Amino acid sequence: MVYKTENGFGYRVIVRGRLLINQDFIPAIQENVPFCDSIEAAAACNLVIQKIKRNEMPTLTLKDLSILKIKTKC
């Protein structure tokens, strides 16, 4: 689920009615930077969900961000 933050967008992953992940900022980078738009937040959220379904750690790497073409500065 993508949501609007004060300066951009974030996402939540809810499993069986329980909040599993609340991500206000782009993961894998040093700074607290929100996603620039809802499309990028949704792409990151979808990848995290895919990783969960494959029983992988639901973390995103710099490589993942690059593949998804997520901007780290708006």
N, C-alpha and C. Protein backbone atom coordinates (compact mmCIF):
# COMPACT_ATOMS: atom_id res chain seq x y z
N MET A 1 0.84 -1.17 0.00
CA MET A 1 0.00 0.00 0.00
C MET A 1 0.89 1.24 0.00
N VAL A 2 0.71 2.10 -0.96
CA VAL A 2 1.48 3.33 -1.08
C VAL A 2 0.71 4.45 -0.39
N TYR A 3 1.44 5.35 0.27
CA TYR A 3 0.79 6.48 0.93
C TYR A 3 1.64 7.73 0.78
N LYS A 4 0.99 8.87 0.90
CA LYS A 4 1.65 10.17 0.81
C LYS A 4 2.28 10.51 2.15
N THR A 5 3.52 10.99 2.11
CA THR A 5 4.19 11.49 3.31
C THR A 5 4.28 13.00 3.19
N GLU A 6 4.88 13.63 4.16
CA GLU A 6 5.02 15.09 4.15
C GLU A 6 5.79 15.58 2.92
N ASN A 7 6.84 14.83 2.52
CA ASN A 7 7.71 15.29 1.43
C ASN A 7 7.74 14.38 0.22
N GLY A 8 6.95 13.34 0.21
CA GLY A 8 7.00 12.40 -0.92
C GLY A 8 6.02 11.26 -0.69
N PHE A 9 6.54 10.02 -0.86
CA PHE A 9 5.70 8.83 -0.72
C PHE A 9 6.44 7.73 0.04
N GLY A 10 5.68 6.85 0.64
CA GLY A 10 6.21 5.68 1.31
C GLY A 10 5.30 4.49 1.01
N TYR A 11 5.60 3.35 1.64
CA TYR A 11 4.74 2.18 1.44
C TYR A 11 4.65 1.36 2.70
N ARG A 12 3.58 0.57 2.76
CA ARG A 12 3.36 -0.37 3.86
C ARG A 12 3.09 -1.74 3.27
N VAL A 13 3.59 -2.77 3.95
CA VAL A 13 3.25 -4.14 3.58
C VAL A 13 2.48 -4.71 4.76
N ILE A 14 1.25 -5.12 4.48
CA ILE A 14 0.37 -5.68 5.50
C ILE A 14 0.09 -7.13 5.14
N VAL A 15 0.34 -8.03 6.09
CA VAL A 15 0.13 -9.45 5.86
C VAL A 15 -0.86 -9.96 6.90
N ARG A 16 -1.94 -10.55 6.41
CA ARG A 16 -3.00 -11.09 7.29
C ARG A 16 -3.49 -10.06 8.30
N GLY A 17 -3.64 -8.82 7.82
CA GLY A 17 -4.15 -7.76 8.67
C GLY A 17 -3.15 -7.15 9.64
N ARG A 18 -1.89 -7.60 9.56
CA ARG A 18 -0.86 -7.08 10.47
C ARG A 18 0.19 -6.31 9.67
N LEU A 19 0.59 -5.18 10.20
CA LEU A 19 1.62 -4.36 9.56
C LEU A 19 2.96 -5.07 9.68
N LEU A 20 3.54 -5.41 8.54
CA LEU A 20 4.84 -6.08 8.52
C LEU A 20 5.95 -5.07 8.27
N ILE A 21 5.74 -4.16 7.32
CA ILE A 21 6.76 -3.17 6.97
C ILE A 21 6.09 -1.82 6.79
N ASN A 22 6.67 -0.79 7.40
CA ASN A 22 6.26 0.59 7.19
C ASN A 22 7.50 1.34 6.74
N GLN A 23 7.53 1.75 5.48
CA GLN A 23 8.74 2.33 4.89
C GLN A 23 8.46 3.76 4.45
N ASP A 24 8.82 4.73 5.30
CA ASP A 24 8.63 6.15 4.97
C ASP A 24 9.71 6.67 4.04
N PHE A 25 10.86 6.01 4.01
CA PHE A 25 12.01 6.50 3.25
C PHE A 25 12.56 5.41 2.34
N ILE A 26 13.30 5.83 1.34
CA ILE A 26 13.93 4.88 0.42
C ILE A 26 14.95 4.06 1.21
N PRO A 27 14.83 2.73 1.19
CA PRO A 27 15.81 1.91 1.91
C PRO A 27 17.14 1.84 1.15
N ALA A 28 18.16 1.41 1.82
CA ALA A 28 19.50 1.14 1.26
C ALA A 28 20.33 2.39 1.01
N ILE A 29 19.80 3.56 1.32
CA ILE A 29 20.63 4.76 1.19
C ILE A 29 20.81 5.37 2.57
N GLN A 30 21.85 6.16 2.73
CA GLN A 30 22.22 6.71 4.04
C GLN A 30 21.23 7.75 4.56
N GLU A 31 20.66 8.53 3.68
CA GLU A 31 19.80 9.64 4.08
C GLU A 31 18.34 9.21 4.19
N ASN A 32 17.56 9.99 4.92
CA ASN A 32 16.12 9.74 5.02
C ASN A 32 15.42 10.51 3.90
N VAL A 33 15.33 9.88 2.75
CA VAL A 33 14.73 10.49 1.57
C VAL A 33 13.48 9.69 1.20
N PRO A 34 12.32 10.37 1.09
CA PRO A 34 11.12 9.65 0.67
C PRO A 34 11.16 9.35 -0.82
N PHE A 35 10.30 8.45 -1.26
CA PHE A 35 10.18 8.18 -2.69
C PHE A 35 9.61 9.43 -3.35
N CYS A 36 10.09 9.75 -4.55
CA CYS A 36 9.67 10.96 -5.25
C CYS A 36 8.23 10.90 -5.73
N ASP A 37 7.78 9.70 -6.11
CA ASP A 37 6.40 9.58 -6.59
C ASP A 37 5.82 8.23 -6.19
N SER A 38 4.52 8.13 -6.37
CA SER A 38 3.82 6.91 -5.95
C SER A 38 4.20 5.71 -6.81
N ILE A 39 4.58 5.94 -8.06
CA ILE A 39 4.97 4.84 -8.95
C ILE A 39 6.24 4.17 -8.46
N GLU A 40 7.23 4.96 -8.04
CA GLU A 40 8.47 4.39 -7.52
C GLU A 40 8.23 3.66 -6.20
N ALA A 41 7.40 4.25 -5.35
CA ALA A 41 7.09 3.59 -4.07
C ALA A 41 6.38 2.26 -4.31
N ALA A 42 5.48 2.23 -5.28
CA ALA A 42 4.75 0.99 -5.60
C ALA A 42 5.70 -0.07 -6.17
N ALA A 43 6.64 0.34 -7.01
CA ALA A 43 7.61 -0.61 -7.58
C ALA A 43 8.44 -1.24 -6.48
N ALA A 44 8.91 -0.42 -5.54
CA ALA A 44 9.71 -0.94 -4.43
C ALA A 44 8.86 -1.87 -3.56
N CYS A 45 7.64 -1.47 -3.28
CA CYS A 45 6.73 -2.29 -2.46
C CYS A 45 6.49 -3.64 -3.14
N ASN A 46 6.24 -3.62 -4.44
CA ASN A 46 5.98 -4.87 -5.16
C ASN A 46 7.18 -5.80 -5.13
N LEU A 47 8.39 -5.25 -5.23
CA LEU A 47 9.59 -6.09 -5.16
C LEU A 47 9.73 -6.71 -3.77
N VAL A 48 9.46 -5.92 -2.74
CA VAL A 48 9.52 -6.43 -1.37
C VAL A 48 8.51 -7.58 -1.19
N ILE A 49 7.31 -7.40 -1.72
CA ILE A 49 6.29 -8.45 -1.62
C ILE A 49 6.74 -9.71 -2.36
N GLN A 50 7.35 -9.54 -3.54
CA GLN A 50 7.87 -10.70 -4.28
C GLN A 50 8.91 -11.44 -3.46
N LYS A 51 9.81 -10.69 -2.80
CA LYS A 51 10.85 -11.31 -1.98
C LYS A 51 10.23 -12.09 -0.82
N ILE A 52 9.21 -11.52 -0.20
CA ILE A 52 8.54 -12.21 0.90
C ILE A 52 7.93 -13.51 0.41
N LYS A 53 7.28 -13.47 -0.74
CA LYS A 53 6.64 -14.67 -1.30
C LYS A 53 7.67 -15.74 -1.65
N ARG A 54 8.91 -15.33 -1.97
CA ARG A 54 9.98 -16.29 -2.28
C ARG A 54 10.78 -16.69 -1.04
N ASN A 55 10.27 -16.28 0.14
CA ASN A 55 10.93 -16.56 1.42
C ASN A 55 12.33 -15.97 1.49
N GLU A 56 12.52 -14.81 0.86
CA GLU A 56 13.79 -14.10 0.92
C GLU A 56 13.65 -12.96 1.94
N MET A 57 14.79 -12.42 2.37
CA MET A 57 14.76 -11.25 3.23
C MET A 57 14.16 -10.10 2.43
N PRO A 58 13.21 -9.37 3.01
CA PRO A 58 12.53 -8.31 2.27
C PRO A 58 13.29 -6.99 2.25
N THR A 59 14.59 -7.06 2.09
CA THR A 59 15.39 -5.85 2.06
C THR A 59 15.65 -5.46 0.60
N LEU A 60 15.81 -4.17 0.39
CA LEU A 60 16.17 -3.68 -0.93
C LEU A 60 17.62 -3.21 -0.91
N THR A 61 18.31 -3.46 -1.99
CA THR A 61 19.71 -3.07 -2.12
C THR A 61 19.84 -1.90 -3.09
N LEU A 62 21.02 -1.33 -3.14
CA LEU A 62 21.28 -0.28 -4.13
C LEU A 62 21.08 -0.81 -5.55
N LYS A 63 21.45 -2.07 -5.76
CA LYS A 63 21.25 -2.69 -7.08
C LYS A 63 19.76 -2.77 -7.40
N ASP A 64 18.94 -3.17 -6.42
CA ASP A 64 17.49 -3.22 -6.62
C ASP A 64 16.96 -1.83 -7.02
N LEU A 65 17.41 -0.81 -6.30
CA LEU A 65 16.96 0.56 -6.60
C LEU A 65 17.35 0.96 -8.01
N SER A 66 18.55 0.58 -8.42
CA SER A 66 19.03 0.89 -9.77
C SER A 66 18.19 0.17 -10.83
N ILE A 67 17.93 -1.10 -10.62
CA ILE A 67 17.13 -1.89 -11.56
C ILE A 67 15.72 -1.29 -11.69
N LEU A 68 15.16 -0.85 -10.56
CA LEU A 68 13.82 -0.27 -10.56
C LEU A 68 13.82 1.19 -11.03
N LYS A 69 15.01 1.75 -11.25
CA LYS A 69 15.18 3.14 -11.68
C LYS A 69 14.55 4.13 -10.68
N ILE A 70 14.79 3.86 -9.40
CA ILE A 70 14.29 4.71 -8.35
C ILE A 70 15.29 5.85 -8.11
N LYS A 71 14.79 7.07 -8.20
CA LYS A 71 15.64 8.25 -7.98
C LYS A 71 15.84 8.42 -6.47
N THR A 72 17.06 8.70 -6.06
CA THR A 72 17.34 8.91 -4.65
C THR A 72 17.34 10.40 -4.29
N LYS A 73 17.09 11.22 -5.28
CA LYS A 73 16.90 12.67 -5.07
C LYS A 73 15.81 13.13 -6.01
N CYS A 74 14.88 13.93 -5.49
CA CYS A 74 13.76 14.41 -6.33
C CYS A 74 14.13 15.70 -7.04
